Amino acid sequence: MHKINEKFIMNTLDILKNPIKNELSIFEKRFRENVLAEGGTINTILGYLIQRKGKQLRPLLVLLSAGACGEINDKTYTAATFVELMHTATLIHDDVVDDSHMRRNFLTINSLWKNKIAVLVGDYLLARGLLLAVKKGEYAMLETISEAVDMMSRGEILQIKKSRQLNITEEEYFEIIRQKTASLIAACTKIGAQSATDNPELLENMYQFGLNLGIAFQIRDDLFDYEAENQTGKPSGNDIQEKKLTLPLIFTRNKSNWRQRRKLLKIIKSKRSAEYKLANIVTLVDSKGGFDYAQREMLSYKEKALSHLEKLPDSEYKKSLVMLVDYVIDRKQ
């Protein structure tokens, strides 16, 4: 897998934010106001979360989609805040389910305050997001995000089921990532557009843009797991340890004879370390062209996403969305 210049990637992220610098500041203020409680332990935890914010990809998508389809307004800030509250809540719950102790190179909430507190903080953020949408009367937005969360839950359950059976097909893999990851990214681009226009064709176009971008995003995320040194803040080989068969492995299994498939499954099921499994599986996957295949699929979905942006009028927001698509593919974390 090719190496990417990290400095170039970070510059790209800074540049694509230029059209919405002021709007991002307003969003961050709104987000803090909607997160922080009146005091006590929960504020300490929430303060920890705010200080360790990620790339804010989803609010970026909301703001840029609104700008590309009309004008950024109060509804847009509500949408960006709502989606970040929901996303942060799902990450906290995911860390509990996966028993993860690191995210973005920082300790997770469950590792610092234990699972019970982490689940309750996630529930609190979900409630804050729902209350925000209801108080603002944004019922269409509430429906879009609720549908995405429903799909995310279904995708997670299907993945757990298939991880136990180790018989996931390529079709099922794409259904899982469409539900688990792409549905929320598609919701972001749709509600961003929804805050600026009521044109049904434009809303559907932006939803499809987000859906294809989300699938490309998840394939890139899955490829990180095979890299001995990555900057995601999660250990390499984590998916393999959890018996999650992602696209490179599924392709390799399908291209293998029965002896090779047996060897592959034996490594996955073994009690050996993640490092041992990763080293052996990377060799097998590389020999069958699994990484190249996953890269081609990722780039195919990237092109599908870009084709939907071509339907938008030229603007600085559209240019930033194009850059954001490239960033998703080239990022190192």
C-alpha atoms as a PDB file:
ATOM      1  CA  MET A   1       0.000   0.000   0.000  1.00  0.00           C
ATOM      2  CA  HIS A   2       1.364   3.376  -1.018  1.00  0.00           C
ATOM      3  CA  LYS A   3       2.668   5.900   1.503  1.00  0.00           C
ATOM      4  CA  ILE A   4       0.942   9.282   1.810  1.00  0.00           C
ATOM      5  CA  ASN A   5       2.634  12.539   2.810  1.00  0.00           C
ATOM      6  CA  GLU A   6       1.028  13.292   6.198  1.00  0.00           C
ATOM      7  CA  LYS A   7       1.925  17.001   6.098  1.00  0.00           C
ATOM      8  CA  PHE A   8       0.235  17.339   2.715  1.00  0.00           C
ATOM      9  CA  ILE A   9      -2.900  15.641   4.062  1.00  0.00           C
ATOM     10  CA  MET A  10      -3.115  17.955   7.083  1.00  0.00           C
ATOM     11  CA  ASN A  11      -2.669  20.978   4.796  1.00  0.00           C
ATOM     12  CA  THR A  12      -5.490  19.662   2.630  1.00  0.00           C
ATOM     13  CA  LEU A  13      -7.780  19.461   5.662  1.00  0.00           C
ATOM     14  CA  ASP A  14      -6.924  23.041   6.661  1.00  0.00           C
ATOM     15  CA  ILE A  15      -7.440  24.363   3.129  1.00  0.00           C
ATOM     16  CA  LEU A  16     -10.811  22.726   2.589  1.00  0.00           C
ATOM     17  CA  LYS A  17     -12.053  24.331   5.828  1.00  0.00           C
ATOM     18  CA  ASN A  18     -11.328  27.856   4.530  1.00  0.00           C
ATOM     19  CA  PRO A  19     -14.817  28.606   3.140  1.00  0.00           C
ATOM     20  CA  ILE A  20     -16.421  27.736   6.509  1.00  0.00           C
ATOM     21  CA  LYS A  21     -13.840  28.940   9.056  1.00  0.00           C
ATOM     22  CA  ASN A  22     -16.250  31.339  10.755  1.00  0.00           C
ATOM     23  CA  GLU A  23     -19.117  28.866  10.527  1.00  0.00           C
ATOM     24  CA  LEU A  24     -17.010  26.150  12.188  1.00  0.00           C
ATOM     25  CA  SER A  25     -16.352  28.496  15.132  1.00  0.00           C
ATOM     26  CA  ILE A  26     -20.086  29.107  15.500  1.00  0.00           C
ATOM     27  CA  PHE A  27     -20.765  25.366  15.329  1.00  0.00           C
ATOM     28  CA  GLU A  28     -18.136  24.599  18.003  1.00  0.00           C
ATOM     29  CA  LYS A  29     -19.712  27.171  20.335  1.00  0.00           C
ATOM     30  CA  ARG A  30     -23.175  25.683  19.759  1.00  0.00           C
ATOM     31  CA  PHE A  31     -21.841  22.173  20.306  1.00  0.00           C
ATOM     32  CA  ARG A  32     -20.224  23.079  23.650  1.00  0.00           C
ATOM     33  CA  GLU A  33     -23.428  24.783  24.783  1.00  0.00           C
ATOM     34  CA  ASN A  34     -25.475  21.686  23.987  1.00  0.00           C
ATOM     35  CA  VAL A  35     -23.005  19.216  25.528  1.00  0.00           C
ATOM     36  CA  LEU A  36     -22.037  20.701  28.864  1.00  0.00           C
ATOM     37  CA  ALA A  37     -24.298  20.039  31.853  1.00  0.00           C
ATOM     38  CA  GLU A  38     -24.696  22.094  35.028  1.00  0.00           C
ATOM     39  CA  GLY A  39     -21.730  20.542  36.797  1.00  0.00           C
ATOM     40  CA  GLY A  40     -20.437  17.454  38.554  1.00  0.00           C
ATOM     41  CA  THR A  41     -18.694  14.352  37.250  1.00  0.00           C
ATOM     42  CA  ILE A  42     -20.494  14.377  33.907  1.00  0.00           C
ATOM     43  CA  ASN A  43     -19.043  17.815  33.078  1.00  0.00           C
ATOM     44  CA  THR A  44     -15.535  16.511  33.769  1.00  0.00           C
ATOM     45  CA  ILE A  45     -16.138  13.657  31.324  1.00  0.00           C
ATOM     46  CA  LEU A  46     -17.782  15.906  28.722  1.00  0.00           C
ATOM     47  CA  GLY A  47     -14.918  18.393  29.032  1.00  0.00           C
ATOM     48  CA  TYR A  48     -12.503  15.527  28.328  1.00  0.00           C
ATOM     49  CA  LEU A  49     -14.508  14.675  25.201  1.00  0.00           C
ATOM     50  CA  ILE A  50     -14.586  18.251  23.909  1.00  0.00           C
ATOM     51  CA  GLN A  51     -10.837  18.731  24.386  1.00  0.00           C
ATOM     52  CA  ARG A  52     -10.125  15.592  22.373  1.00  0.00           C
ATOM     53  CA  LYS A  53     -12.367  16.315  19.417  1.00  0.00           C
ATOM     54  CA  GLY A  54     -11.534  14.527  16.187  1.00  0.00           C
ATOM     55  CA  LYS A  55     -11.431  15.855  12.641  1.00  0.00           C
ATOM     56  CA  GLN A  56     -15.129  16.788  12.838  1.00  0.00           C
ATOM     57  CA  LEU A  57     -15.687  15.232   9.428  1.00  0.00           C
ATOM     58  CA  ARG A  58     -19.462  14.997   9.850  1.00  0.00           C
ATOM     59  CA  PRO A  59     -20.097  18.641  10.834  1.00  0.00           C
ATOM     60  CA  LEU A  60     -17.777  19.610   7.955  1.00  0.00           C
ATOM     61  CA  LEU A  61     -19.966  17.632   5.565  1.00  0.00           C
ATOM     62  CA  VAL A  62     -23.127  19.262   6.948  1.00  0.00           C
ATOM     63  CA  LEU A  63     -21.769  22.808   6.606  1.00  0.00           C
ATOM     64  CA  LEU A  64     -20.197  22.318   3.173  1.00  0.00           C
ATOM     65  CA  SER A  65     -23.285  20.529   1.817  1.00  0.00           C
ATOM     66  CA  ALA A  66     -25.491  23.400   2.964  1.00  0.00           C
ATOM     67  CA  GLY A  67     -23.184  25.960   1.350  1.00  0.00           C
ATOM     68  CA  ALA A  68     -23.036  23.973  -1.887  1.00  0.00           C
ATOM     69  CA  CYS A  69     -26.848  23.734  -2.075  1.00  0.00           C
ATOM     70  CA  GLY A  70     -27.811  27.200  -0.844  1.00  0.00           C
ATOM     71  CA  GLU A  71     -26.850  29.194   2.238  1.00  0.00           C
ATOM     72  CA  ILE A  72     -25.590  28.177   5.679  1.00  0.00           C
ATOM     73  CA  ASN A  73     -28.147  29.252   8.288  1.00  0.00           C
ATOM     74  CA  ASP A  74     -29.396  28.532  11.802  1.00  0.00           C
ATOM     75  CA  LYS A  75     -30.898  25.207  10.656  1.00  0.00           C
ATOM     76  CA  THR A  76     -27.458  24.192   9.392  1.00  0.00           C
ATOM     77  CA  TYR A  77     -25.859  24.796  12.795  1.00  0.00           C
ATOM     78  CA  THR A  78     -28.623  22.756  14.441  1.00  0.00           C
ATOM     79  CA  ALA A  79     -28.004  19.935  11.946  1.00  0.00           C
ATOM     80  CA  ALA A  80     -24.219  19.983  12.483  1.00  0.00           C
ATOM     81  CA  THR A  81     -24.601  20.009  16.284  1.00  0.00           C
ATOM     82  CA  PHE A  82     -27.248  17.282  16.249  1.00  0.00           C
ATOM     83  CA  VAL A  83     -25.207  14.931  14.071  1.00  0.00           C
ATOM     84  CA  GLU A  84     -22.022  15.431  16.106  1.00  0.00           C
ATOM     85  CA  LEU A  85     -23.894  14.679  19.340  1.00  0.00           C
ATOM     86  CA  MET A  86     -25.288  11.469  17.833  1.00  0.00           C
ATOM     87  CA  HIS A  87     -21.942  10.458  16.316  1.00  0.00           C
ATOM     88  CA  THR A  88     -20.041  11.050  19.571  1.00  0.00           C
ATOM     89  CA  ALA A  89     -22.628   8.985  21.457  1.00  0.00           C
ATOM     90  CA  THR A  90     -22.314   6.068  19.034  1.00  0.00           C
ATOM     91  CA  LEU A  91     -18.495   6.145  19.299  1.00  0.00           C
ATOM     92  CA  ILE A  92     -18.698   5.909  23.093  1.00  0.00           C
ATOM     93  CA  HIS A  93     -21.127   2.987  22.849  1.00  0.00           C
ATOM     94  CA  ASP A  94     -18.944   1.310  20.178  1.00  0.00           C
ATOM     95  CA  ASP A  95     -15.925   1.510  22.483  1.00  0.00           C
ATOM     96  CA  VAL A  96     -17.899  -0.248  25.216  1.00  0.00           C
ATOM     97  CA  VAL A  97     -19.123  -2.975  22.833  1.00  0.00           C
ATOM     98  CA  ASP A  98     -15.621  -3.500  21.381  1.00  0.00           C
ATOM     99  CA  ASP A  99     -13.892  -3.161  24.786  1.00  0.00           C
ATOM    100  CA  SER A 100     -11.625  -0.527  23.206  1.00  0.00           C
ATOM    101  CA  HIS A 101      -9.212   1.371  25.426  1.00  0.00           C
ATOM    102  CA  MET A 102      -7.782   3.812  22.888  1.00  0.00           C
ATOM    103  CA  ARG A 103      -9.363   6.160  20.348  1.00  0.00           C
ATOM    104  CA  ARG A 104      -7.429   8.831  18.424  1.00  0.00           C
ATOM    105  CA  ASN A 105      -4.422   7.930  20.602  1.00  0.00           C
ATOM    106  CA  PHE A 106      -6.280   8.883  23.790  1.00  0.00           C
ATOM    107  CA  LEU A 107      -7.856   6.716  26.482  1.00  0.00           C
ATOM    108  CA  THR A 108     -11.541   6.007  25.893  1.00  0.00           C
ATOM    109  CA  ILE A 109     -14.312   7.012  28.315  1.00  0.00           C
ATOM    110  CA  ASN A 110     -14.924   3.377  29.290  1.00  0.00           C
ATOM    111  CA  SER A 111     -11.245   2.822  30.106  1.00  0.00           C
ATOM    112  CA  LEU A 112     -11.151   5.901  32.387  1.00  0.00           C
ATOM    113  CA  TRP A 113     -14.629   5.821  33.955  1.00  0.00           C
ATOM    114  CA  LYS A 114     -15.709   2.186  33.313  1.00  0.00           C
ATOM    115  CA  ASN A 115     -18.463   0.811  31.086  1.00  0.00           C
ATOM    116  CA  LYS A 116     -21.503   1.838  33.131  1.00  0.00           C
ATOM    117  CA  ILE A 117     -20.549   5.515  33.152  1.00  0.00           C
ATOM    118  CA  ALA A 118     -19.583   5.384  29.455  1.00  0.00           C
ATOM    119  CA  VAL A 119     -22.978   3.941  28.444  1.00  0.00           C
ATOM    120  CA  LEU A 120     -24.794   6.590  30.489  1.00  0.00           C
ATOM    121  CA  VAL A 121     -22.728   9.410  28.962  1.00  0.00           C
ATOM    122  CA  GLY A 122     -23.506   8.047  25.499  1.00  0.00           C
ATOM    123  CA  ASP A 123     -27.207   7.957  26.396  1.00  0.00           C
ATOM    124  CA  TYR A 124     -26.981  11.530  27.685  1.00  0.00           C
ATOM    125  CA  LEU A 125     -25.519  12.747  24.383  1.00  0.00           C
ATOM    126  CA  LEU A 126     -28.204  10.889  22.400  1.00  0.00           C
ATOM    127  CA  ALA A 127     -30.868  12.573  24.535  1.00  0.00           C
ATOM    128  CA  ARG A 128     -29.274  16.005  24.057  1.00  0.00           C
ATOM    129  CA  GLY A 129     -29.323  15.530  20.296  1.00  0.00           C
ATOM    130  CA  LEU A 130     -32.970  14.439  20.257  1.00  0.00           C
ATOM    131  CA  LEU A 131     -33.999  17.310  22.516  1.00  0.00           C
ATOM    132  CA  LEU A 132     -32.197  19.823  20.314  1.00  0.00           C
ATOM    133  CA  ALA A 133     -34.023  18.635  17.188  1.00  0.00           C
ATOM    134  CA  VAL A 134     -37.418  18.592  18.936  1.00  0.00           C
ATOM    135  CA  LYS A 135     -36.990  22.032  20.528  1.00  0.00           C
ATOM    136  CA  LYS A 136     -36.034  23.491  17.151  1.00  0.00           C
ATOM    137  CA  GLY A 137     -38.947  21.715  15.464  1.00  0.00           C
ATOM    138  CA  GLU A 138     -36.608  20.005  12.977  1.00  0.00           C
ATOM    139  CA  TYR A 139     -38.669  16.858  12.503  1.00  0.00           C
ATOM    140  CA  ALA A 140     -37.458  16.062   8.979  1.00  0.00           C
ATOM    141  CA  MET A 141     -33.894  16.240  10.263  1.00  0.00           C
ATOM    142  CA  LEU A 142     -34.831  14.075  13.250  1.00  0.00           C
ATOM    143  CA  GLU A 143     -36.330  11.465  10.916  1.00  0.00           C
ATOM    144  CA  THR A 144     -33.223  11.391   8.681  1.00  0.00           C
ATOM    145  CA  ILE A 145     -30.811  10.923  11.596  1.00  0.00           C
ATOM    146  CA  SER A 146     -33.068   8.426  13.392  1.00  0.00           C
ATOM    147  CA  GLU A 147     -33.215   6.296  10.236  1.00  0.00           C
ATOM    148  CA  ALA A 148     -29.411   6.401  10.053  1.00  0.00           C
ATOM    149  CA  VAL A 149     -29.006   5.327  13.708  1.00  0.00           C
ATOM    150  CA  ASP A 150     -31.488   2.493  13.103  1.00  0.00           C
ATOM    151  CA  MET A 151     -29.425   1.325  10.117  1.00  0.00           C
ATOM    152  CA  MET A 152     -26.179   1.627  12.082  1.00  0.00           C
ATOM    153  CA  SER A 153     -27.558  -0.641  14.803  1.00  0.00           C
ATOM    154  CA  ARG A 154     -28.728  -3.204  12.237  1.00  0.00           C
ATOM    155  CA  GLY A 155     -25.322  -3.158  10.550  1.00  0.00           C
ATOM    156  CA  GLU A 156     -23.522  -3.668  13.852  1.00  0.00           C
ATOM    157  CA  ILE A 157     -25.742  -6.626  14.776  1.00  0.00           C
ATOM    158  CA  LEU A 158     -25.275  -8.231  11.350  1.00  0.00           C
ATOM    159  CA  GLN A 159     -21.500  -7.831  11.629  1.00  0.00           C
ATOM    160  CA  ILE A 160     -21.436  -9.465  15.074  1.00  0.00           C
ATOM    161  CA  LYS A 161     -23.517 -12.364  13.761  1.00  0.00           C
ATOM    162  CA  LYS A 162     -21.249 -12.877  10.747  1.00  0.00           C
ATOM    163  CA  SER A 163     -18.087 -12.551  12.861  1.00  0.00           C
ATOM    164  CA  ARG A 164     -19.191 -15.563  14.879  1.00  0.00           C
ATOM    165  CA  GLN A 165     -19.905 -17.625  11.770  1.00  0.00           C
ATOM    166  CA  LEU A 166     -16.904 -16.412   9.689  1.00  0.00           C
ATOM    167  CA  ASN A 167     -18.934 -16.870   6.506  1.00  0.00           C
ATOM    168  CA  ILE A 168     -19.576 -13.310   5.400  1.00  0.00           C
ATOM    169  CA  THR A 169     -19.988 -12.763   1.656  1.00  0.00           C
ATOM    170  CA  GLU A 170     -18.800  -9.710  -0.256  1.00  0.00           C
ATOM    171  CA  GLU A 171     -22.433  -8.655  -0.752  1.00  0.00           C
ATOM    172  CA  GLU A 172     -23.043  -8.868   3.009  1.00  0.00           C
ATOM    173  CA  TYR A 173     -19.842  -6.919   3.710  1.00  0.00           C
ATOM    174  CA  PHE A 174     -21.041  -4.006   1.558  1.00  0.00           C
ATOM    175  CA  GLU A 175     -24.478  -4.147   3.189  1.00  0.00           C
ATOM    176  CA  ILE A 176     -22.841  -3.947   6.626  1.00  0.00           C
ATOM    177  CA  ILE A 177     -20.670  -0.936   5.801  1.00  0.00           C
ATOM    178  CA  ARG A 178     -23.544   0.775   3.984  1.00  0.00           C
ATOM    179  CA  GLN A 179     -25.615   0.488   7.154  1.00  0.00           C
ATOM    180  CA  LYS A 180     -22.909   0.840   9.798  1.00  0.00           C
ATOM    181  CA  THR A 181     -20.888   3.751   8.395  1.00  0.00           C
ATOM    182  CA  ALA A 182     -22.214   5.138   5.118  1.00  0.00           C
ATOM    183  CA  SER A 183     -25.771   5.705   6.374  1.00  0.00           C
ATOM    184  CA  LEU A 184     -24.667   8.389   8.870  1.00  0.00           C
ATOM    185  CA  ILE A 185     -22.360  10.125   6.385  1.00  0.00           C
ATOM    186  CA  ALA A 186     -25.228  10.134   3.852  1.00  0.00           C
ATOM    187  CA  ALA A 187     -27.491  11.595   6.543  1.00  0.00           C
ATOM    188  CA  CYS A 188     -24.941  14.381   7.118  1.00  0.00           C
ATOM    189  CA  THR A 189     -24.861  15.446   3.485  1.00  0.00           C
ATOM    190  CA  LYS A 190     -28.646  15.182   3.223  1.00  0.00           C
ATOM    191  CA  ILE A 191     -29.496  17.227   6.334  1.00  0.00           C
ATOM    192  CA  GLY A 192     -26.898  19.800   5.352  1.00  0.00           C
ATOM    193  CA  ALA A 193     -28.628  20.184   2.007  1.00  0.00           C
ATOM    194  CA  GLN A 194     -32.025  19.966   3.756  1.00  0.00           C
ATOM    195  CA  SER A 195     -31.174  23.031   5.823  1.00  0.00           C
ATOM    196  CA  ALA A 196     -30.620  25.066   2.640  1.00  0.00           C
ATOM    197  CA  THR A 197     -33.096  23.685   0.068  1.00  0.00           C
ATOM    198  CA  ASP A 198     -36.268  21.633  -0.284  1.00  0.00           C
ATOM    199  CA  ASN A 199     -35.479  20.456  -3.831  1.00  0.00           C
ATOM    200  CA  PRO A 200     -36.118  16.659  -3.661  1.00  0.00           C
ATOM    201  CA  GLU A 201     -33.745  15.838  -6.549  1.00  0.00           C
ATOM    202  CA  LEU A 202     -30.939  17.803  -4.932  1.00  0.00           C
ATOM    203  CA  LEU A 203     -31.563  16.163  -1.543  1.00  0.00           C
ATOM    204  CA  GLU A 204     -31.429  12.682  -3.107  1.00  0.00           C
ATOM    205  CA  ASN A 205     -28.281  13.604  -5.027  1.00  0.00           C
ATOM    206  CA  MET A 206     -26.553  14.714  -1.816  1.00  0.00           C
ATOM    207  CA  TYR A 207     -27.710  11.575  -0.003  1.00  0.00           C
ATOM    208  CA  GLN A 208     -26.195   9.381  -2.720  1.00  0.00           C
ATOM    209  CA  PHE A 209     -23.000  11.444  -2.617  1.00  0.00           C
ATOM    210  CA  GLY A 210     -22.679  10.799   1.115  1.00  0.00           C
ATOM    211  CA  LEU A 211     -23.539   7.115   0.768  1.00  0.00           C
ATOM    212  CA  ASN A 212     -20.781   6.456  -1.789  1.00  0.00           C
ATOM    213  CA  LEU A 213     -18.312   8.590   0.163  1.00  0.00           C
ATOM    214  CA  GLY A 214     -19.154   6.631   3.319  1.00  0.00           C
ATOM    215  CA  ILE A 215     -18.486   3.273   1.668  1.00  0.00           C
ATOM    216  CA  ALA A 216     -15.109   4.510   0.364  1.00  0.00           C
ATOM    217  CA  PHE A 217     -14.369   5.879   3.858  1.00  0.00           C
ATOM    218  CA  GLN A 218     -15.032   2.508   5.517  1.00  0.00           C
ATOM    219  CA  ILE A 219     -12.937   0.529   3.025  1.00  0.00           C
ATOM    220  CA  ARG A 220     -10.059   2.920   3.781  1.00  0.00           C
ATOM    221  CA  ASP A 221     -10.683   2.417   7.489  1.00  0.00           C
ATOM    222  CA  ASP A 222     -10.614  -1.355   7.049  1.00  0.00           C
ATOM    223  CA  LEU A 223      -7.292  -1.167   5.192  1.00  0.00           C
ATOM    224  CA  PHE A 224      -5.750   0.611   8.192  1.00  0.00           C
ATOM    225  CA  ASP A 225      -6.139  -2.598  10.204  1.00  0.00           C
ATOM    226  CA  TYR A 226      -3.568  -4.363   8.018  1.00  0.00           C
ATOM    227  CA  GLU A 227      -0.885  -1.684   8.424  1.00  0.00           C
ATOM    228  CA  ALA A 228       1.782  -2.498  10.993  1.00  0.00           C
ATOM    229  CA  GLU A 229       2.073   1.183  11.887  1.00  0.00           C
ATOM    230  CA  ASN A 230      -1.006   3.342  11.576  1.00  0.00           C
ATOM    231  CA  GLN A 231      -2.166   6.540  13.259  1.00  0.00           C
ATOM    232  CA  THR A 232      -5.786   5.705  13.934  1.00  0.00           C
ATOM    233  CA  GLY A 233      -5.271   5.353  17.658  1.00  0.00           C
ATOM    234  CA  LYS A 234      -6.480   1.742  17.454  1.00  0.00           C
ATOM    235  CA  PRO A 235      -4.155  -1.263  17.423  1.00  0.00           C
ATOM    236  CA  SER A 236      -3.345  -2.849  14.059  1.00  0.00           C
ATOM    237  CA  GLY A 237      -4.955  -6.240  13.587  1.00  0.00           C
ATOM    238  CA  ASN A 238      -7.885  -5.269  15.813  1.00  0.00           C
ATOM    239  CA  ASP A 239     -10.516  -6.372  13.269  1.00  0.00           C
ATOM    240  CA  ILE A 240      -8.692  -9.670  12.779  1.00  0.00           C
ATOM    241  CA  GLN A 241      -8.600 -10.267  16.553  1.00  0.00           C
ATOM    242  CA  GLU A 242     -12.356  -9.629  16.686  1.00  0.00           C
ATOM    243  CA  LYS A 243     -12.854 -12.028  13.725  1.00  0.00           C
ATOM    244  CA  LYS A 244     -14.279  -9.287  11.511  1.00  0.00           C
ATOM    245  CA  LEU A 245     -13.747 -10.305   7.892  1.00  0.00           C
ATOM    246  CA  THR A 246     -13.275  -7.160   5.812  1.00  0.00           C
ATOM    247  CA  LEU A 247     -12.921  -6.788   2.041  1.00  0.00           C
ATOM    248  CA  PRO A 248      -9.224  -7.773   1.589  1.00  0.00           C
ATOM    249  CA  LEU A 249      -9.783 -10.973   3.598  1.00  0.00           C
ATOM    250  CA  ILE A 250     -13.092 -11.830   1.924  1.00  0.00           C
ATOM    251  CA  PHE A 251     -11.506 -11.460  -1.528  1.00  0.00           C
ATOM    252  CA  THR A 252      -8.506 -13.588  -0.448  1.00  0.00           C
ATOM    253  CA  ARG A 253     -10.751 -16.324   0.932  1.00  0.00           C
ATOM    254  CA  ASN A 254     -12.788 -16.371  -2.301  1.00  0.00           C
ATOM    255  CA  LYS A 255      -9.610 -16.691  -4.403  1.00  0.00           C
ATOM    256  CA  SER A 256      -8.096 -19.437  -2.249  1.00  0.00           C
ATOM    257  CA  ASN A 257      -8.324 -23.214  -2.583  1.00  0.00           C
ATOM    258  CA  TRP A 258      -9.714 -25.244   0.294  1.00  0.00           C
ATOM    259  CA  ARG A 259      -6.284 -25.779   1.918  1.00  0.00           C
ATOM    260  CA  GLN A 260      -5.510 -22.050   1.822  1.00  0.00           C
ATOM    261  CA  ARG A 261      -8.970 -21.203   3.189  1.00  0.00           C
ATOM    262  CA  ARG A 262      -8.474 -23.674   6.031  1.00  0.00           C
ATOM    263  CA  LYS A 263      -5.091 -22.112   6.841  1.00  0.00           C
ATOM    264  CA  LEU A 264      -6.610 -18.620   6.780  1.00  0.00           C
ATOM    265  CA  LEU A 265      -9.453 -19.534   9.128  1.00  0.00           C
ATOM    266  CA  LYS A 266      -7.046 -21.381  11.424  1.00  0.00           C
ATOM    267  CA  ILE A 267      -4.944 -18.215  11.823  1.00  0.00           C
ATOM    268  CA  ILE A 268      -8.028 -16.068  12.470  1.00  0.00           C
ATOM    269  CA  LYS A 269      -9.400 -18.485  15.085  1.00  0.00           C
ATOM    270  CA  SER A 270      -6.073 -19.030  16.841  1.00  0.00           C
ATOM    271  CA  LYS A 271      -5.316 -17.634  20.291  1.00  0.00           C
ATOM    272  CA  ARG A 272      -2.029 -16.157  19.075  1.00  0.00           C
ATOM    273  CA  SER A 273      -1.192 -12.447  19.353  1.00  0.00           C
ATOM    274  CA  ALA A 274      -2.549  -9.805  16.977  1.00  0.00           C
ATOM    275  CA  GLU A 275       1.019  -9.248  15.714  1.00  0.00           C
ATOM    276  CA  TYR A 276       1.398 -12.916  14.773  1.00  0.00           C
ATOM    277  CA  LYS A 277      -1.975 -13.020  13.037  1.00  0.00           C
ATOM    278  CA  LEU A 278      -1.377  -9.734  11.204  1.00  0.00           C
ATOM    279  CA  ALA A 279       2.030 -10.784   9.847  1.00  0.00           C
ATOM    280  CA  ASN A 280       0.717 -14.107   8.510  1.00  0.00           C
ATOM    281  CA  ILE A 281      -2.538 -12.767   7.114  1.00  0.00           C
ATOM    282  CA  VAL A 282      -0.899  -9.783   5.383  1.00  0.00           C
ATOM    283  CA  THR A 283       1.360 -12.205   3.494  1.00  0.00           C
ATOM    284  CA  LEU A 284      -1.604 -14.318   2.364  1.00  0.00           C
ATOM    285  CA  VAL A 285      -3.787 -11.338   1.424  1.00  0.00           C
ATOM    286  CA  ASP A 286      -0.990  -9.649  -0.489  1.00  0.00           C
ATOM    287  CA  SER A 287      -0.200 -12.835  -2.447  1.00  0.00           C
ATOM    288  CA  LYS A 288      -3.835 -13.068  -3.625  1.00  0.00           C
ATOM    289  CA  GLY A 289      -4.147  -9.380  -4.533  1.00  0.00           C
ATOM    290  CA  GLY A 290      -6.605  -8.646  -1.726  1.00  0.00           C
ATOM    291  CA  PHE A 291      -5.203  -5.208  -0.981  1.00  0.00           C
ATOM    292  CA  ASP A 292      -5.188  -4.179  -4.636  1.00  0.00           C
ATOM    293  CA  TYR A 293      -8.784  -5.321  -5.009  1.00  0.00           C
ATOM    294  CA  ALA A 294      -9.925  -3.343  -1.954  1.00  0.00           C
ATOM    295  CA  GLN A 295      -8.083  -0.265  -3.241  1.00  0.00           C
ATOM    296  CA  ARG A 296      -9.829  -0.563  -6.620  1.00  0.00           C
ATOM    297  CA  GLU A 297     -13.240  -0.878  -4.961  1.00  0.00           C
ATOM    298  CA  MET A 298     -12.482   2.123  -2.747  1.00  0.00           C
ATOM    299  CA  LEU A 299     -11.503   4.245  -5.758  1.00  0.00           C
ATOM    300  CA  SER A 300     -14.624   3.101  -7.617  1.00  0.00           C
ATOM    301  CA  TYR A 301     -16.850   4.433  -4.818  1.00  0.00           C
ATOM    302  CA  LYS A 302     -14.775   7.600  -4.701  1.00  0.00           C
ATOM    303  CA  GLU A 303     -15.556   8.212  -8.385  1.00  0.00           C
ATOM    304  CA  LYS A 304     -19.251   7.530  -7.779  1.00  0.00           C
ATOM    305  CA  ALA A 305     -19.234  10.130  -4.999  1.00  0.00           C
ATOM    306  CA  LEU A 306     -17.501  12.684  -7.226  1.00  0.00           C
ATOM    307  CA  SER A 307     -20.028  12.077 -10.027  1.00  0.00           C
ATOM    308  CA  HIS A 308     -22.788  13.359  -7.718  1.00  0.00           C
ATOM    309  CA  LEU A 309     -20.796  16.512  -6.968  1.00  0.00           C
ATOM    310  CA  GLU A 310     -20.582  17.234 -10.696  1.00  0.00           C
ATOM    311  CA  LYS A 311     -24.331  17.959 -10.613  1.00  0.00           C
ATOM    312  CA  LEU A 312     -23.806  20.900  -8.227  1.00  0.00           C
ATOM    313  CA  PRO A 313     -23.133  24.484  -9.404  1.00  0.00           C
ATOM    314  CA  ASP A 314     -19.519  25.616  -9.063  1.00  0.00           C
ATOM    315  CA  SER A 315     -18.695  27.201  -5.705  1.00  0.00           C
ATOM    316  CA  GLU A 316     -15.974  27.313  -3.073  1.00  0.00           C
ATOM    317  CA  TYR A 317     -18.063  24.840  -1.043  1.00  0.00           C
ATOM    318  CA  LYS A 318     -18.188  22.367  -3.927  1.00  0.00           C
ATOM    319  CA  LYS A 319     -14.401  22.650  -4.338  1.00  0.00           C
ATOM    320  CA  SER A 320     -13.952  21.860  -0.644  1.00  0.00           C
ATOM    321  CA  LEU A 321     -16.263  18.827  -0.922  1.00  0.00           C
ATOM    322  CA  VAL A 322     -14.122  17.526  -3.802  1.00  0.00           C
ATOM    323  CA  MET A 323     -11.020  18.027  -1.650  1.00  0.00           C
ATOM    324  CA  LEU A 324     -12.745  16.270   1.224  1.00  0.00           C
ATOM    325  CA  VAL A 325     -13.366  13.214  -0.960  1.00  0.00           C
ATOM    326  CA  ASP A 326      -9.629  13.082  -1.764  1.00  0.00           C
ATOM    327  CA  TYR A 327      -8.807  13.543   1.909  1.00  0.00           C
ATOM    328  CA  VAL A 328     -11.012  10.570   2.903  1.00  0.00           C
ATOM    329  CA  ILE A 329      -9.072   8.334   0.527  1.00  0.00           C
ATOM    330  CA  ASP A 330      -5.568   9.640   1.313  1.00  0.00           C
ATOM    331  CA  ARG A 331      -5.871  10.151   5.079  1.00  0.00           C
ATOM    332  CA  LYS A 332      -3.575   8.349   7.527  1.00  0.00           C
ATOM    333  CA  GLN A 333      -6.104   8.110  10.370  1.00  0.00           C
END
